[in-house]
Structures are given as structure tokens and as C-alpha cells.
Amino acid sequence: MSETAGRRRICFQQQIDPDRIEEYKRRHAAVWPEMLEALRDAGWCNYSLFLRPDGLLIGYVETDSLEAATARMAAHEVNARWQAEMADLFDGIEAPPDESFVTIEEVFNLEDQLEAARAKSAADRAAAPQPSSPAAGAAPTTGEYA
């Protein structure tokens, strides 16, 4: 997880029952509008899900805190209904799906690396000694006569 403008990038994984993948896709093709609004209102930004053919589900979200965003979702009645609807599609979870995220550590982000490299380059330029120019009217040094 890493931070961008007050939001953290969070990646997580879960496992969908391979026999239920098509049902999972079908349900997510038509998420209830009130669920979409609850996610937005709870601070889930740039939220995406990716699914492999073997059922590995990867989620990505930007939010202030996964724990806080999940807690805010728990306050929405629609979330309990959605989690109940989805629970039987997952493999190997005992808790509701939104309480079963396995987070994945972020080890590289292009924008963060570019920003750090640019900042270092600017700091290096600022700290480098500046070449001095001869004072006005000073006598030229050897080799400056034409």
C-alpha cells in the first residue's frame, strides 16, 4: 500500500469458486446502483476487480484507509445485502467477502518513482556549486586574448 494525495493505493486478493466465475461476472456486470453510490460515498475511489480463469480475484482501490472505508461501508444497509448475495461465490472464506481481503504489498509505482527521481535531480542541481564568472573589468587570464 502506498499513498497518493491523501489516498492509499490498495491491492487485495480473494478466491472465487472456479465453478461460479460466470455467475460472479454476471452479478458484477449489473451492480445495484445503491451499492455503487454507497461505495463512492464511503470513499472507495478508482475501484477495480480483475479475475483470472482459475478464480483468483485481484482488487484495486484508492482510499484513505481500507479499514476505515470498510467500516463506512458496514454502515450502509445495502452492503449487508450485497455481501450476503456474494458470499456463496467465494472459496475458502469464513467471514463476509468484504472482511476477507488478503492485502498485497505494493513494491513499485511509476509515478512515485518518477516524482522521487525528479525531486532528487532538482535537489542535486540546487546543491551543486555554481560556476563563477569573471568580475567586470577584471584582467583576462592567460588564453583569453584573441
Protein backbone atom coordinates (compact mmCIF):
# COMPACT_ATOMS: atom_id res chain seq x y z
CA MET A 1 0.00 0.00 0.00
CA SER A 2 1.24 3.45 -0.75
CA GLU A 3 -0.09 6.95 -0.54
CA THR A 4 -1.12 9.38 -3.26
CA ALA A 5 -2.62 12.78 -2.34
CA GLY A 6 -4.18 11.55 0.92
CA ARG A 7 -5.39 8.33 -0.64
CA ARG A 8 -3.69 4.99 -0.40
CA ARG A 9 -3.42 2.54 -3.28
CA ILE A 10 -4.56 -0.83 -2.01
CA CYS A 11 -4.43 -4.17 -3.77
CA PHE A 12 -6.03 -7.31 -2.40
CA GLN A 13 -6.75 -10.85 -3.45
CA GLN A 14 -9.56 -13.31 -2.87
CA GLN A 15 -10.61 -16.59 -4.45
CA ILE A 16 -13.82 -17.13 -6.39
CA ASP A 17 -15.13 -20.67 -6.70
CA PRO A 18 -14.00 -21.63 -10.25
CA ASP A 19 -17.42 -23.20 -10.87
CA ARG A 20 -19.11 -19.87 -10.04
CA ILE A 21 -16.97 -17.48 -12.13
CA GLU A 22 -19.64 -16.78 -14.74
CA GLU A 23 -22.19 -16.01 -12.01
CA TYR A 24 -19.68 -13.69 -10.32
CA LYS A 25 -19.12 -11.85 -13.61
CA ARG A 26 -22.85 -11.65 -14.28
CA ARG A 27 -23.55 -10.08 -10.87
CA HIS A 28 -20.73 -7.59 -11.24
CA ALA A 29 -21.92 -6.56 -14.71
CA ALA A 30 -25.01 -5.11 -13.02
CA VAL A 31 -24.06 -3.95 -9.51
CA TRP A 32 -27.03 -2.34 -7.78
CA PRO A 33 -26.97 1.46 -8.20
CA GLU A 34 -27.40 1.96 -4.44
CA MET A 35 -24.34 -0.24 -3.84
CA LEU A 36 -22.30 1.82 -6.32
CA GLU A 37 -23.35 5.03 -4.57
CA ALA A 38 -22.55 3.58 -1.14
CA LEU A 39 -19.05 2.63 -2.32
CA ARG A 40 -18.47 6.12 -3.66
CA ASP A 41 -19.88 7.76 -0.52
CA ALA A 42 -17.69 5.53 1.68
CA GLY A 43 -14.55 6.74 -0.10
CA TRP A 44 -13.84 3.85 -2.50
CA CYS A 45 -12.13 5.54 -5.45
CA ASN A 46 -10.78 4.06 -8.66
CA TYR A 47 -12.06 0.64 -7.52
CA SER A 48 -11.49 -2.24 -9.94
CA LEU A 49 -11.68 -6.02 -9.82
CA PHE A 50 -9.68 -8.40 -12.02
CA LEU A 51 -10.47 -12.10 -12.32
CA ARG A 52 -8.31 -14.95 -13.64
CA PRO A 53 -9.88 -18.06 -15.21
CA ASP A 54 -8.87 -20.11 -12.13
CA GLY A 55 -10.89 -17.79 -9.85
CA LEU A 56 -8.08 -15.65 -8.46
CA LEU A 57 -9.64 -12.25 -7.85
CA ILE A 58 -7.46 -9.16 -7.58
CA GLY A 59 -8.96 -5.93 -6.32
CA TYR A 60 -7.53 -2.43 -6.50
CA VAL A 61 -8.90 0.61 -4.69
CA GLU A 62 -7.71 4.05 -3.70
CA THR A 63 -8.99 5.25 -0.33
CA ASP A 64 -7.82 6.88 2.88
CA SER A 65 -7.69 3.54 4.69
CA LEU A 66 -9.04 0.11 3.79
CA GLU A 67 -10.17 -0.42 7.38
CA ALA A 68 -11.96 2.94 7.52
CA ALA A 69 -13.55 2.50 4.08
CA THR A 70 -14.75 -0.99 5.02
CA ALA A 71 -16.18 0.35 8.29
CA ARG A 72 -18.00 3.11 6.42
CA MET A 73 -19.47 0.52 4.06
CA ALA A 74 -20.68 -1.54 7.02
CA ALA A 75 -22.88 1.42 7.96
CA HIS A 76 -24.79 1.08 4.67
CA GLU A 77 -27.66 -1.41 4.79
CA VAL A 78 -27.17 -2.24 1.11
CA ASN A 79 -23.69 -3.56 1.87
CA ALA A 80 -25.00 -6.32 4.16
CA ARG A 81 -27.42 -7.41 1.44
CA TRP A 82 -24.70 -7.35 -1.25
CA GLN A 83 -22.23 -9.30 0.88
CA ALA A 84 -24.89 -11.93 1.63
CA GLU A 85 -25.67 -12.21 -2.10
CA MET A 86 -21.99 -12.64 -2.98
CA ALA A 87 -20.74 -14.86 -0.12
CA ASP A 88 -21.53 -18.21 -1.75
CA LEU A 89 -19.39 -17.35 -4.79
CA PHE A 90 -16.13 -17.26 -2.81
CA ASP A 91 -13.81 -20.13 -1.92
CA GLY A 92 -12.20 -20.53 1.47
CA ILE A 93 -13.66 -17.63 3.44
CA GLU A 94 -15.37 -17.80 6.81
CA ALA A 95 -16.23 -14.11 7.15
CA PRO A 96 -18.19 -11.94 4.71
CA PRO A 97 -16.28 -11.20 1.50
CA ASP A 98 -15.56 -7.59 2.45
CA GLU A 99 -13.92 -8.80 5.67
CA SER A 100 -11.77 -11.40 3.91
CA PHE A 101 -9.40 -9.29 1.85
CA VAL A 102 -5.79 -10.50 1.69
CA THR A 103 -3.83 -7.34 1.01
CA ILE A 104 -0.81 -7.35 -1.30
CA GLU A 105 2.20 -5.12 -0.72
CA GLU A 106 2.93 -2.56 -3.42
CA VAL A 107 6.62 -2.66 -4.32
CA PHE A 108 6.74 -0.30 -7.32
CA ASN A 109 4.77 2.65 -8.64
CA LEU A 110 5.92 4.52 -11.73
CA GLU A 111 4.58 7.93 -10.71
CA ASP A 112 6.12 7.71 -7.23
CA GLN A 113 9.49 6.68 -8.68
CA LEU A 114 9.44 9.47 -11.28
CA GLU A 115 8.50 12.06 -8.66
CA ALA A 116 11.30 10.91 -6.35
CA ALA A 117 13.85 10.91 -9.19
CA ARG A 118 12.81 14.41 -10.29
CA ALA A 119 12.98 15.72 -6.72
CA LYS A 120 16.46 14.22 -6.23
CA SER A 121 17.66 15.65 -9.53
CA ALA A 122 16.37 19.12 -8.60
CA ALA A 123 17.99 18.89 -5.16
CA ASP A 124 21.28 17.76 -6.70
CA ARG A 125 21.23 20.71 -9.13
CA ALA A 126 20.47 23.15 -6.32
CA ALA A 127 23.32 21.79 -4.18
CA ALA A 128 25.90 21.74 -6.99
CA PRO A 129 28.48 24.52 -6.93
CA GLN A 130 27.70 27.22 -9.45
CA PRO A 131 30.48 28.21 -11.90
CA SER A 132 31.73 31.71 -11.19
CA SER A 133 32.12 34.28 -13.95
CA PRO A 134 34.97 36.82 -14.06
CA ALA A 135 34.13 40.12 -12.44
CA ALA A 136 33.50 43.08 -14.73
CA GLY A 137 36.74 44.86 -15.57
CA ALA A 138 38.92 42.04 -14.29
CA ALA A 139 42.05 41.30 -16.25
CA PRO A 140 41.70 38.35 -18.61
CA THR A 141 43.57 35.22 -17.72
CA THR A 142 46.05 33.50 -19.98
CA GLY A 143 44.46 32.15 -23.14
CA GLU A 144 41.61 34.66 -23.22
CA TYR A 145 43.30 37.03 -25.73
CA ALA A 146 42.34 36.65 -29.35
